[in-house]
Amino acid sequence: MTAGPHTPAAQALRRAKRQALGLLLLAFAVFVGTSLVERGLALNCLKAVAEAAMVGALADWFAVVALFRRPLGLPIPHTAVIARNQERIGRNLGTFVRDKFLDVPSLVSLIRRHDPAERLAQWLLAPGHAELLGQQATRLVSAALDTVQDAQVERFIQKAARALIGQVDMSRALAAVLDTLTHKGRHQALLDEVLAKLTELLQNPETRAWVAQSIVAWLKKDHPRTEKLLPSDWLGDKGSGLLARALESLMADVAANPQHALRAQFDGALQRFIERLRTDPDWLRKGEEIRAYLQTDPMVGGYVQTLWLDLRHALQRDLADADSVLARQVRKLGVWLGESLAGDAALRQAFNERLEQWVQGLAPDVSAFIAQHIEDTVRRWDAEEMSALIELNIGKDLQYIRINGTVVGGLIGLVLFGVSHAGDIWRSLVGG
């Protein structure tokens, strides 16, 4: 947590400490020097100044050191202030950040002052930013893929799929799907497509040959005597032709007549089937069996595994491509969003209002979480390391307090000496 001893901050702190110590030693040297010689008024004044400067320097040294550690290692009360109050510092810091920076009025005021929608639009439309957005999106997805473990994802998907299947009534769900597909006669268009394909199929020579062969085979199997008396091949060819023409005529009539009886019968059959799916106990039981099968069959797990691996490999191939599809889509989305926000003042206002509502709703919980996180983080720090870190950042300024204390102490000593020896000084000046 602490910085190295060779960082600029650490070097600046050491220089400030040497300066403060040097000034203290200078005051001590003057005090000792003036104490060893015979003194007059001037030397007594100099001694008083040096003495007061030492007192100020030592007092401020004690105060500064007491913030971070015990002076001289002595168990003096109310020292090592930061280390002893680590928990309270963390709690107060978290509360301060929560109440002064992350409170709802401050955040709302910030939004209204800076217009985030306008700033976002300008950023997205600036040259190169959409490209940057695409690159960051691919990096984020790539990092997520590298972090995610396949087994965990597969278990999650399987669990989610089984939970989803467990909530679905298969029979009634199929009925609902069919009901939707048949709404307003949508299924009749499907019927038209089927009729067209059947007509095309019946006009195929291979299909007619197969029908002829089927007729001959039927005659040989069920009516062998009749087949021996009649030209079965001719009957097969003619029969297939007649059958094809009859079916073609029927399908043409159905296709041309929206009110054809077969269409009504088709509608009725579908509706009866849908109703059976909804109410018939047999169909309901079959739906339960299908659901149980889907929830327990190991093939579903294998399918999920294959699906995830295919998706993962496809994403990895795309992300490795210099012209990634994902990056292109993100770039297009960024440009579109920027242009939309830039060209629509109402949209920007709606965006900002929505952001304000989001902040008002989530800010209390988020700020409380961040405050608790700050408190817990500070509490986990090593007390000595925390003190060292704080000293590294503010210690240089605190050393100047020591320097200022030395200078101010000397000045106070000079003033006090002048007041206490005012008569001597006056006589010295008058006599001079």
Protein backbone atom coordinates (compact mmCIF):
# COMPACT_ATOMS: atom_id res chain seq x y z
CA MET A 1 0.00 0.00 0.00
CA THR A 2 2.90 2.34 0.74
CA ALA A 3 5.05 3.92 -1.95
CA GLY A 4 8.69 3.04 -2.48
CA PRO A 5 11.54 4.98 -0.82
CA HIS A 6 12.75 6.38 -4.13
CA THR A 7 9.54 7.97 -5.34
CA PRO A 8 9.44 11.75 -5.78
CA ALA A 9 7.00 12.07 -2.84
CA ALA A 10 9.29 10.08 -0.54
CA GLN A 11 12.34 12.11 -1.57
CA ALA A 12 10.49 15.41 -1.04
CA LEU A 13 9.42 14.24 2.43
CA ARG A 14 13.01 13.39 3.37
CA ARG A 15 14.25 16.81 2.19
CA ALA A 16 11.58 18.59 4.26
CA LYS A 17 12.50 16.54 7.33
CA ARG A 18 16.20 17.41 6.89
CA GLN A 19 15.39 21.09 6.58
CA ALA A 20 13.28 21.08 9.77
CA LEU A 21 15.94 19.10 11.63
CA GLY A 22 18.70 21.36 10.34
CA LEU A 23 16.91 24.47 11.62
CA LEU A 24 16.42 22.82 15.04
CA LEU A 25 20.10 21.91 15.23
CA LEU A 26 21.05 25.46 14.27
CA ALA A 27 18.92 26.87 17.12
CA PHE A 28 20.47 24.30 19.49
CA ALA A 29 23.99 25.24 18.39
CA VAL A 30 23.31 28.96 18.94
CA PHE A 31 21.83 28.21 22.35
CA VAL A 32 24.86 26.14 23.41
CA GLY A 33 27.30 28.62 21.95
CA THR A 34 25.76 31.59 23.74
CA SER A 35 25.62 29.63 27.00
CA LEU A 36 29.36 28.92 27.01
CA VAL A 37 30.62 32.48 26.58
CA GLU A 38 30.34 35.60 28.65
CA ARG A 39 27.23 37.40 27.51
CA GLY A 40 26.00 40.87 27.22
CA LEU A 41 22.60 42.17 26.32
CA ALA A 42 22.93 41.18 22.67
CA LEU A 43 24.08 37.61 23.37
CA ASN A 44 21.42 37.19 26.02
CA CYS A 45 18.86 38.24 23.45
CA LEU A 46 20.31 35.78 20.92
CA LYS A 47 20.26 33.02 23.55
CA ALA A 48 16.61 33.77 24.36
CA VAL A 49 15.68 33.66 20.70
CA ALA A 50 17.50 30.34 20.20
CA GLU A 51 15.91 28.87 23.34
CA ALA A 52 12.38 29.84 22.26
CA ALA A 53 13.07 28.56 18.74
CA MET A 54 14.13 25.17 20.16
CA VAL A 55 11.00 24.99 22.30
CA GLY A 56 8.80 25.77 19.29
CA ALA A 57 10.64 23.28 17.07
CA LEU A 58 10.50 20.47 19.65
CA ALA A 59 6.84 21.11 20.43
CA ASP A 60 5.86 21.00 16.76
CA TRP A 61 8.10 17.96 16.17
CA PHE A 62 6.30 16.15 18.97
CA ALA A 63 2.89 17.14 17.59
CA VAL A 64 3.72 16.03 14.03
CA VAL A 65 5.30 12.74 15.08
CA ALA A 66 2.44 11.99 17.48
CA LEU A 67 0.05 11.92 14.53
CA PHE A 68 1.79 8.91 12.97
CA ARG A 69 3.69 7.08 15.73
CA ARG A 70 4.88 7.25 19.34
CA PRO A 71 7.66 9.87 19.75
CA LEU A 72 10.93 8.07 20.60
CA GLY A 73 8.87 4.89 20.98
CA LEU A 74 7.58 6.02 24.37
CA PRO A 75 4.01 5.00 25.42
CA ILE A 76 2.85 8.59 25.77
CA PRO A 77 -0.95 9.06 25.87
CA HIS A 78 -2.69 10.54 22.82
CA THR A 79 0.10 9.66 20.43
CA ALA A 80 0.02 7.47 17.26
CA VAL A 81 -3.29 9.22 16.66
CA ILE A 82 -3.95 7.90 13.16
CA ALA A 83 -3.19 4.26 13.98
CA ARG A 84 -5.31 4.31 17.17
CA ASN A 85 -8.26 5.89 15.36
CA GLN A 86 -8.12 3.78 12.21
CA GLU A 87 -11.66 2.43 12.56
CA ARG A 88 -13.13 5.85 13.30
CA ILE A 89 -11.22 7.38 10.39
CA GLY A 90 -12.66 4.78 8.02
CA ARG A 91 -16.19 5.30 9.34
CA ASN A 92 -15.98 9.10 9.18
CA LEU A 93 -14.38 9.02 5.72
CA GLY A 94 -17.14 6.78 4.38
CA THR A 95 -19.82 8.97 5.96
CA PHE A 96 -18.21 12.11 4.55
CA VAL A 97 -18.10 10.70 1.01
CA ARG A 98 -21.69 9.49 1.30
CA ASP A 99 -23.14 12.71 2.68
CA LYS A 100 -21.07 15.28 0.77
CA PHE A 101 -20.42 13.67 -2.61
CA LEU A 102 -22.97 10.90 -3.22
CA ASP A 103 -26.12 12.39 -1.72
CA VAL A 104 -29.10 12.71 -4.05
CA PRO A 105 -29.24 16.55 -4.24
CA SER A 106 -25.53 16.76 -5.11
CA LEU A 107 -25.81 14.15 -7.86
CA VAL A 108 -28.97 15.68 -9.32
CA SER A 109 -27.36 19.12 -9.27
CA LEU A 110 -24.32 17.65 -11.04
CA ILE A 111 -26.54 16.21 -13.78
CA ARG A 112 -28.40 19.46 -14.31
CA ARG A 113 -25.18 21.47 -14.34
CA HIS A 114 -23.30 19.41 -16.91
CA ASP A 115 -26.05 18.03 -19.24
CA PRO A 116 -24.76 14.42 -19.56
CA ALA A 117 -26.83 13.73 -22.70
CA GLU A 118 -25.19 16.59 -24.61
CA ARG A 119 -21.73 15.60 -23.41
CA LEU A 120 -22.33 11.98 -24.41
CA ALA A 121 -23.51 13.04 -27.87
CA GLN A 122 -20.43 15.22 -28.40
CA TRP A 123 -18.12 12.47 -27.25
CA LEU A 124 -19.71 9.81 -29.48
CA LEU A 125 -19.59 12.07 -32.55
CA ALA A 126 -15.98 13.16 -32.01
CA PRO A 127 -13.57 11.60 -34.55
CA GLY A 128 -12.27 8.23 -33.45
CA HIS A 129 -14.47 7.84 -30.38
CA ALA A 130 -16.93 5.43 -32.00
CA GLU A 131 -13.95 3.35 -33.14
CA LEU A 132 -12.57 3.46 -29.60
CA LEU A 133 -15.95 2.34 -28.26
CA GLY A 134 -15.92 -0.67 -30.57
CA GLN A 135 -12.37 -1.60 -29.53
CA GLN A 136 -13.20 -1.34 -25.85
CA ALA A 137 -16.31 -3.46 -26.33
CA THR A 138 -14.29 -6.25 -27.98
CA ARG A 139 -11.66 -6.08 -25.23
CA LEU A 140 -14.34 -6.27 -22.56
CA VAL A 141 -16.06 -9.26 -24.16
CA SER A 142 -12.70 -10.97 -24.74
CA ALA A 143 -11.72 -10.46 -21.11
CA ALA A 144 -15.10 -11.78 -20.00
CA LEU A 145 -14.67 -14.91 -22.14
CA ASP A 146 -11.20 -15.50 -20.70
CA THR A 147 -12.55 -15.14 -17.17
CA VAL A 148 -15.65 -17.27 -17.57
CA GLN A 149 -15.28 -21.00 -16.93
CA ASP A 150 -17.12 -23.19 -19.41
CA ALA A 151 -18.34 -25.69 -16.81
CA GLN A 152 -19.88 -22.96 -14.67
CA VAL A 153 -21.64 -21.36 -17.64
CA GLU A 154 -22.95 -24.72 -18.80
CA ARG A 155 -24.29 -25.55 -15.34
CA PHE A 156 -25.93 -22.13 -15.14
CA ILE A 157 -27.57 -22.46 -18.56
CA GLN A 158 -28.76 -26.00 -17.81
CA LYS A 159 -30.16 -24.92 -14.45
CA ALA A 160 -31.88 -21.90 -15.99
CA ALA A 161 -33.27 -23.97 -18.88
CA ARG A 162 -34.62 -26.64 -16.56
CA ALA A 163 -36.15 -24.03 -14.28
CA LEU A 164 -37.77 -22.34 -17.28
CA ILE A 165 -39.05 -25.63 -18.68
CA GLY A 166 -40.42 -26.52 -15.24
CA GLN A 167 -42.61 -23.42 -15.32
CA VAL A 168 -44.05 -24.17 -18.77
CA ASP A 169 -47.25 -26.15 -19.33
CA MET A 170 -46.26 -27.81 -22.59
CA SER A 171 -49.75 -28.72 -23.76
CA ARG A 172 -51.28 -25.34 -23.00
CA ALA A 173 -48.17 -23.54 -24.33
CA LEU A 174 -48.51 -25.36 -27.66
CA ALA A 175 -52.19 -24.48 -27.70
CA ALA A 176 -51.34 -20.82 -27.14
CA VAL A 177 -48.80 -20.90 -29.97
CA LEU A 178 -51.28 -22.49 -32.36
CA ASP A 179 -53.97 -20.06 -31.28
CA THR A 180 -51.65 -17.18 -32.11
CA LEU A 181 -50.72 -18.68 -35.47
CA THR A 182 -54.37 -19.15 -36.42
CA HIS A 183 -55.45 -15.66 -35.34
CA LYS A 184 -57.26 -13.79 -38.14
CA GLY A 185 -56.81 -16.71 -40.53
CA ARG A 186 -53.01 -16.65 -40.62
CA HIS A 187 -52.94 -20.42 -41.01
CA GLN A 188 -54.84 -20.17 -44.31
CA ALA A 189 -51.78 -18.59 -45.90
CA LEU A 190 -49.81 -21.62 -44.73
CA LEU A 191 -52.46 -23.87 -46.26
CA ASP A 192 -52.11 -22.03 -49.58
CA GLU A 193 -48.35 -22.61 -49.49
CA VAL A 194 -48.86 -26.31 -48.78
CA LEU A 195 -51.34 -26.65 -51.64
CA ALA A 196 -48.96 -24.95 -54.03
CA LYS A 197 -46.12 -27.28 -53.03
CA LEU A 198 -48.37 -30.34 -53.37
CA THR A 199 -49.49 -29.24 -56.84
CA GLU A 200 -45.88 -28.80 -57.86
CA LEU A 201 -45.03 -32.20 -56.40
CA LEU A 202 -47.88 -33.96 -58.26
CA GLN A 203 -46.76 -32.50 -61.58
CA ASN A 204 -43.34 -34.10 -61.06
CA PRO A 205 -42.87 -37.22 -63.31
CA GLU A 206 -41.00 -39.02 -60.55
CA THR A 207 -43.93 -38.51 -58.17
CA ARG A 208 -46.41 -39.86 -60.76
CA ALA A 209 -44.20 -42.90 -61.38
CA TRP A 210 -44.11 -43.59 -57.64
CA VAL A 211 -47.93 -43.30 -57.44
CA ALA A 212 -48.28 -45.71 -60.39
CA GLN A 213 -45.96 -48.23 -58.76
CA SER A 214 -47.92 -47.91 -55.51
CA ILE A 215 -51.21 -48.66 -57.33
CA VAL A 216 -49.73 -51.73 -59.01
CA ALA A 217 -48.29 -52.96 -55.72
CA TRP A 218 -51.67 -52.46 -54.07
CA LEU A 219 -53.43 -54.45 -56.78
CA LYS A 220 -50.95 -57.32 -56.52
CA LYS A 221 -51.29 -57.46 -52.77
CA ASP A 222 -55.00 -56.97 -52.18
CA HIS A 223 -56.51 -58.03 -55.55
CA PRO A 224 -54.15 -60.56 -57.11
CA ARG A 225 -56.78 -62.15 -59.35
CA THR A 226 -57.95 -58.81 -60.71
CA GLU A 227 -54.35 -57.83 -61.29
CA LYS A 228 -53.76 -60.95 -63.43
CA LEU A 229 -56.79 -60.25 -65.60
CA LEU A 230 -56.22 -56.52 -66.10
CA PRO A 231 -53.20 -54.64 -67.51
CA SER A 232 -51.85 -53.53 -64.16
CA ASP A 233 -49.13 -51.27 -65.62
CA TRP A 234 -51.69 -49.44 -67.74
CA LEU A 235 -53.99 -49.14 -64.73
CA GLY A 236 -51.13 -47.81 -62.65
CA ASP A 237 -50.24 -45.14 -65.19
CA LYS A 238 -53.84 -44.16 -65.79
CA GLY A 239 -54.66 -44.28 -62.09
CA SER A 240 -51.77 -42.07 -61.16
CA GLY A 241 -52.74 -39.60 -63.86
CA LEU A 242 -56.40 -39.55 -62.81
CA LEU A 243 -55.44 -39.20 -59.15
CA ALA A 244 -53.02 -36.37 -59.90
CA ARG A 245 -55.57 -34.49 -62.00
CA ALA A 246 -58.28 -34.98 -59.39
CA LEU A 247 -56.05 -33.70 -56.61
CA GLU A 248 -54.82 -30.80 -58.74
CA SER A 249 -58.41 -29.82 -59.51
CA LEU A 250 -59.36 -30.07 -55.85
CA MET A 251 -56.40 -28.02 -54.69
CA ALA A 252 -57.03 -25.44 -57.39
CA ASP A 253 -60.64 -25.10 -56.19
CA VAL A 254 -59.51 -24.75 -52.58
CA ALA A 255 -56.83 -22.23 -53.49
CA ALA A 256 -59.24 -20.12 -55.55
CA ASN A 257 -62.15 -20.20 -53.08
CA PRO A 258 -61.55 -18.61 -49.63
CA GLN A 259 -64.91 -20.02 -48.52
CA HIS A 260 -64.24 -23.60 -49.63
CA ALA A 261 -65.63 -26.33 -47.39
CA LEU A 262 -62.20 -27.90 -46.92
CA ARG A 263 -60.90 -24.62 -45.52
CA ALA A 264 -63.72 -24.61 -42.99
CA GLN A 265 -62.96 -28.23 -42.12
CA PHE A 266 -59.28 -27.29 -41.71
CA ASP A 267 -60.28 -24.47 -39.36
CA GLY A 268 -62.52 -26.77 -37.38
CA ALA A 269 -59.86 -29.46 -37.08
CA LEU A 270 -57.29 -26.93 -35.83
CA GLN A 271 -59.68 -25.43 -33.30
CA ARG A 272 -60.63 -28.88 -32.00
CA PHE A 273 -56.96 -29.78 -31.70
CA ILE A 274 -56.22 -26.54 -29.83
CA GLU A 275 -59.13 -27.19 -27.46
CA ARG A 276 -57.89 -30.73 -26.83
CA LEU A 277 -54.45 -29.40 -26.02
CA ARG A 278 -56.00 -27.10 -23.44
CA THR A 279 -58.51 -29.46 -21.81
CA ASP A 280 -57.91 -33.11 -22.75
CA PRO A 281 -56.34 -34.97 -19.77
CA ASP A 282 -54.43 -37.28 -22.15
CA TRP A 283 -52.78 -34.38 -23.93
CA LEU A 284 -52.10 -32.63 -20.61
CA ARG A 285 -50.44 -35.80 -19.34
CA LYS A 286 -48.36 -36.05 -22.53
CA GLY A 287 -47.27 -32.44 -22.01
CA GLU A 288 -46.14 -33.28 -18.46
CA GLU A 289 -44.21 -36.28 -19.80
CA ILE A 290 -42.48 -34.12 -22.40
CA ARG A 291 -41.59 -31.55 -19.76
CA ALA A 292 -40.17 -34.20 -17.43
CA TYR A 293 -38.20 -35.67 -20.32
CA LEU A 294 -36.70 -32.31 -21.26
CA GLN A 295 -35.74 -31.63 -17.64
CA THR A 296 -33.99 -34.94 -17.06
CA ASP A 297 -32.72 -36.15 -20.41
CA PRO A 298 -28.90 -35.94 -20.60
CA MET A 299 -29.13 -35.05 -24.27
CA VAL A 300 -30.45 -31.64 -23.24
CA GLY A 301 -27.27 -31.06 -21.23
CA GLY A 302 -25.18 -32.13 -24.20
CA TYR A 303 -27.12 -29.77 -26.43
CA VAL A 304 -26.56 -26.90 -23.99
CA GLN A 305 -22.84 -27.68 -23.84
CA THR A 306 -22.58 -27.76 -27.63
CA LEU A 307 -24.60 -24.55 -27.93
CA TRP A 308 -22.34 -22.69 -25.47
CA LEU A 309 -19.09 -23.97 -27.02
CA ASP A 310 -20.27 -23.03 -30.51
CA LEU A 311 -21.24 -19.57 -29.28
CA ARG A 312 -17.92 -19.15 -27.47
CA HIS A 313 -15.86 -20.23 -30.49
CA ALA A 314 -17.88 -17.98 -32.79
CA LEU A 315 -17.30 -15.01 -30.49
CA GLN A 316 -13.59 -15.78 -30.20
CA ARG A 317 -13.21 -15.98 -33.98
CA ASP A 318 -15.03 -12.71 -34.41
CA LEU A 319 -13.02 -10.94 -31.69
CA ALA A 320 -9.76 -12.14 -33.24
CA ASP A 321 -10.77 -10.61 -36.58
CA ALA A 322 -9.41 -7.13 -37.26
CA ASP A 323 -12.79 -6.26 -38.75
CA SER A 324 -14.89 -7.70 -35.92
CA VAL A 325 -18.65 -7.81 -36.49
CA LEU A 326 -19.20 -7.02 -32.83
CA ALA A 327 -16.92 -3.97 -33.01
CA ARG A 328 -18.69 -2.75 -36.18
CA GLN A 329 -22.10 -3.10 -34.60
CA VAL A 330 -20.98 -1.27 -31.45
CA ARG A 331 -19.50 1.53 -33.59
CA LYS A 332 -22.73 1.84 -35.56
CA LEU A 333 -24.71 1.88 -32.33
CA GLY A 334 -22.45 4.58 -30.88
CA VAL A 335 -22.75 6.80 -33.97
CA TRP A 336 -26.51 6.29 -34.11
CA LEU A 337 -26.89 7.17 -30.44
CA GLY A 338 -24.67 10.24 -30.80
CA GLU A 339 -26.57 11.50 -33.86
CA SER A 340 -29.93 10.82 -32.21
CA LEU A 341 -29.01 12.72 -29.04
CA ALA A 342 -27.36 15.59 -30.92
CA GLY A 343 -30.33 16.12 -33.23
CA ASP A 344 -33.18 15.77 -30.76
CA ALA A 345 -33.41 18.18 -27.82
CA ALA A 346 -36.48 16.38 -26.47
CA LEU A 347 -34.57 13.10 -26.46
CA ARG A 348 -31.69 14.70 -24.56
CA GLN A 349 -34.09 16.12 -22.00
CA ALA A 350 -35.79 12.75 -21.62
CA PHE A 351 -32.38 11.08 -21.24
CA ASN A 352 -31.33 13.50 -18.49
CA GLU A 353 -34.68 13.19 -16.71
CA ARG A 354 -34.44 9.41 -16.81
CA LEU A 355 -30.90 9.65 -15.44
CA GLU A 356 -32.13 11.88 -12.61
CA GLN A 357 -34.87 9.38 -11.77
CA TRP A 358 -32.32 6.57 -11.82
CA VAL A 359 -30.02 8.53 -9.50
CA GLN A 360 -32.84 9.39 -7.10
CA GLY A 361 -33.84 5.76 -6.91
CA LEU A 362 -30.43 4.11 -6.67
CA ALA A 363 -28.16 6.74 -5.14
CA PRO A 364 -29.09 6.03 -1.48
CA ASP A 365 -28.32 2.34 -1.77
CA VAL A 366 -25.20 2.88 -3.87
CA SER A 367 -23.83 5.61 -1.58
CA ALA A 368 -24.46 3.45 1.49
CA PHE A 369 -22.67 0.55 -0.18
CA ILE A 370 -19.68 2.72 -1.14
CA ALA A 371 -19.51 4.22 2.36
CA GLN A 372 -19.51 0.76 3.91
CA HIS A 373 -16.90 -0.39 1.41
CA ILE A 374 -14.62 2.54 2.32
CA GLU A 375 -15.04 1.83 6.03
CA ASP A 376 -14.32 -1.89 5.62
CA THR A 377 -11.33 -1.22 3.37
CA VAL A 378 -9.73 1.25 5.79
CA ARG A 379 -10.37 -1.15 8.68
CA ARG A 380 -8.51 -3.93 6.86
CA TRP A 381 -5.42 -1.81 6.18
CA ASP A 382 -2.34 -2.32 8.30
CA ALA A 383 -2.25 0.55 10.79
CA GLU A 384 1.45 1.28 10.33
CA GLU A 385 1.20 1.16 6.55
CA MET A 386 -1.80 3.48 6.62
CA SER A 387 0.08 5.98 8.81
CA ALA A 388 3.08 5.77 6.50
CA LEU A 389 0.88 6.36 3.45
CA ILE A 390 -0.80 9.40 5.00
CA GLU A 391 2.56 10.78 6.11
CA LEU A 392 3.93 10.31 2.62
CA ASN A 393 1.14 12.42 1.16
CA ILE A 394 0.87 15.20 3.75
CA GLY A 395 4.14 14.86 5.68
CA LYS A 396 5.98 17.45 3.58
CA ASP A 397 3.49 20.14 4.58
CA LEU A 398 3.68 19.01 8.21
CA GLN A 399 7.45 19.46 8.18
CA TYR A 400 6.91 23.06 7.21
CA ILE A 401 4.80 23.36 10.34
CA ARG A 402 7.94 22.35 12.26
CA ILE A 403 9.96 24.96 10.37
CA ASN A 404 7.34 27.61 10.98
CA GLY A 405 7.22 26.62 14.66
CA THR A 406 10.96 27.14 14.94
CA VAL A 407 10.82 30.57 13.33
CA VAL A 408 7.71 31.68 15.22
CA GLY A 409 9.19 30.41 18.49
CA GLY A 410 12.31 32.45 17.89
CA LEU A 411 10.24 35.56 17.16
CA ILE A 412 8.17 35.02 20.30
CA GLY A 413 11.40 34.62 22.28
CA LEU A 414 12.63 37.90 20.84
CA VAL A 415 9.42 39.68 21.80
CA LEU A 416 9.41 38.25 25.30
CA PHE A 417 13.07 39.18 25.80
CA GLY A 418 12.35 42.69 24.60
CA VAL A 419 9.43 43.07 27.00
CA SER A 420 11.28 41.64 29.98
CA HIS A 421 14.44 43.66 29.30
CA ALA A 422 12.82 46.84 28.03
CA GLY A 423 14.57 48.97 30.66
CA ASP A 424 18.00 47.56 29.91
CA ILE A 425 17.46 48.02 26.22
CA TRP A 426 16.27 51.61 26.73
CA ARG A 427 19.25 52.46 28.92
CA SER A 428 21.57 50.86 26.42
CA LEU A 429 20.11 52.91 23.63
CA VAL A 430 20.08 56.17 25.64
CA GLY A 431 23.56 55.63 26.96
CA GLY A 432 24.75 54.91 23.44
